Amino acid sequence: MTTRILLGLLLLVSLIQGLAPEAIPGSALPMILVILGLVYAATTVAPDDAVAYLVLTLAVGVAAGADVLSAIPAIGASLDAIVDQVSIALYAGIVSVLSLWMYKRTCAPAS
C-alpha cells in the first residue's frame, strides 16, 4: 500500500511540475520529487538486488535526456517534461540504494 501511495504522489507531483511548473512558486516541487524518490527507493528496493531499479532509472534518464517524446506532435513536449520530472525522483532513489548498500557492507552486523 505504501508503494502505491508513493508512486501516486510521485506521478501527481511530476504531472504538476511537468505541465505547470509555475503552479507552485519556488523550488518546492523538485524538492518533493527528490524526497519521494529517496523514500520510495529506501522502502521498496533491496540494496542487494537493485539491478532492475538501476536499469529502469538509467533507461528513463536517457529517454528524458534525449527528449525522445518531443517528436510527437502537439503533446510530445509535455510528455517529455513529465518524464524529466520522473527521472529526477528515480535518480534521487539511486542515492538511497547506494547508501543502504554501503551501510549493509560496512556497518551492518554479519549474519
Protein backbone atom coordinates (compact mmCIF):
# COMPACT_ATOMS: atom_id res chain seq x y z
CA MET A 1 0.00 0.00 0.00
CA THR A 2 2.84 2.39 0.83
CA THR A 3 4.38 1.75 -2.57
CA ARG A 4 1.17 2.69 -4.36
CA ILE A 5 0.80 5.88 -2.34
CA LEU A 6 4.40 6.90 -3.01
CA LEU A 7 4.08 6.18 -6.73
CA GLY A 8 0.77 8.06 -6.90
CA LEU A 9 2.28 11.09 -5.19
CA LEU A 10 5.35 10.88 -7.41
CA LEU A 11 3.19 10.80 -10.54
CA LEU A 12 0.98 13.65 -9.31
CA VAL A 13 3.92 15.91 -8.47
CA SER A 14 5.63 15.01 -11.77
CA LEU A 15 2.46 15.91 -13.71
CA ILE A 16 2.11 19.24 -11.92
CA GLN A 17 5.79 20.14 -12.29
CA GLY A 18 5.94 18.93 -15.89
CA LEU A 19 2.76 20.58 -17.15
CA ALA A 20 2.56 23.70 -14.98
CA PRO A 21 5.95 24.43 -13.41
CA GLU A 22 4.84 27.86 -12.19
CA ALA A 23 1.76 26.47 -10.40
CA ILE A 24 3.61 26.36 -7.10
CA PRO A 25 6.28 29.07 -6.82
CA GLY A 26 9.75 28.33 -5.60
CA SER A 27 11.54 25.02 -5.70
CA ALA A 28 9.12 23.08 -3.53
CA LEU A 29 8.01 20.56 -6.16
CA PRO A 30 11.50 19.45 -7.26
CA MET A 31 12.42 19.04 -3.59
CA ILE A 32 9.28 16.95 -3.03
CA LEU A 33 10.24 14.80 -6.04
CA VAL A 34 13.69 14.19 -4.57
CA ILE A 35 12.26 13.27 -1.16
CA LEU A 36 9.68 10.94 -2.72
CA GLY A 37 12.42 9.28 -4.77
CA LEU A 38 14.60 8.80 -1.70
CA VAL A 39 11.75 7.34 0.36
CA TYR A 40 10.47 5.12 -2.44
CA ALA A 41 13.84 3.53 -3.10
CA ALA A 42 14.62 3.14 0.59
CA THR A 43 11.35 1.35 1.27
CA THR A 44 10.94 -0.80 -1.83
CA VAL A 45 14.32 -1.55 -3.39
CA ALA A 46 16.55 -4.20 -1.82
CA PRO A 47 20.16 -2.96 -1.91
CA ASP A 48 21.49 -6.39 -2.84
CA ASP A 49 19.07 -6.82 -5.73
CA ALA A 50 18.75 -3.35 -7.19
CA VAL A 51 19.70 -4.15 -10.77
CA ALA A 52 16.17 -3.80 -12.17
CA TYR A 53 15.68 -0.43 -10.45
CA LEU A 54 19.05 0.85 -11.65
CA VAL A 55 18.40 -0.26 -15.25
CA LEU A 56 14.95 1.37 -15.21
CA THR A 57 16.45 4.57 -13.81
CA LEU A 58 19.11 4.70 -16.48
CA ALA A 59 16.59 3.99 -19.25
CA VAL A 60 14.22 6.73 -18.07
CA GLY A 61 17.13 9.13 -17.60
CA VAL A 62 18.45 8.51 -21.10
CA ALA A 63 14.98 8.89 -22.58
CA ALA A 64 14.49 12.14 -20.68
CA GLY A 65 17.88 13.47 -21.70
CA ALA A 66 17.38 12.62 -25.35
CA ASP A 67 13.93 14.28 -25.49
CA VAL A 68 12.59 11.31 -27.42
CA LEU A 69 8.94 12.18 -26.83
CA SER A 70 9.32 15.69 -28.26
CA ALA A 71 8.88 14.23 -31.75
CA ILE A 72 5.21 13.53 -31.06
CA PRO A 73 3.18 16.44 -32.44
CA ALA A 74 1.17 18.59 -30.02
CA ILE A 75 1.76 16.62 -26.81
CA GLY A 76 5.36 15.43 -27.11
CA ALA A 77 6.94 18.33 -25.27
CA SER A 78 4.51 17.97 -22.38
CA LEU A 79 5.12 14.23 -22.11
CA ASP A 80 8.85 14.82 -22.22
CA ALA A 81 8.58 17.38 -19.40
CA ILE A 82 6.76 14.79 -17.26
CA VAL A 83 9.41 12.13 -17.96
CA ASP A 84 12.09 14.65 -16.98
CA GLN A 85 10.45 15.05 -13.58
CA VAL A 86 10.09 11.29 -13.06
CA SER A 87 13.79 10.87 -13.83
CA ILE A 88 14.62 13.35 -11.05
CA ALA A 89 12.85 11.14 -8.49
CA LEU A 90 14.43 7.96 -9.85
CA TYR A 91 17.92 9.45 -9.77
CA ALA A 92 17.36 10.53 -6.18
CA GLY A 93 16.40 6.96 -5.36
CA ILE A 94 19.82 5.78 -6.51
CA VAL A 95 21.30 7.69 -3.57
CA SER A 96 19.10 5.69 -1.19
CA VAL A 97 20.08 2.39 -2.78
CA LEU A 98 23.77 3.31 -2.65
CA SER A 99 23.54 4.45 0.97
CA LEU A 100 21.75 1.29 2.08
CA TRP A 101 24.18 -0.88 0.16
CA MET A 102 27.18 0.85 1.73
CA TYR A 103 25.64 0.59 5.21
CA LYS A 104 24.97 -3.10 4.77
CA ARG A 105 28.51 -3.73 3.57
CA THR A 106 30.28 -1.73 6.27
CA CYS A 107 28.14 -1.27 9.39
CA ALA A 108 25.51 -3.96 9.49
CA PRO A 109 26.23 -6.92 11.76
CA ALA A 110 27.29 -10.07 9.98
CA SER A 111 24.60 -12.71 9.71
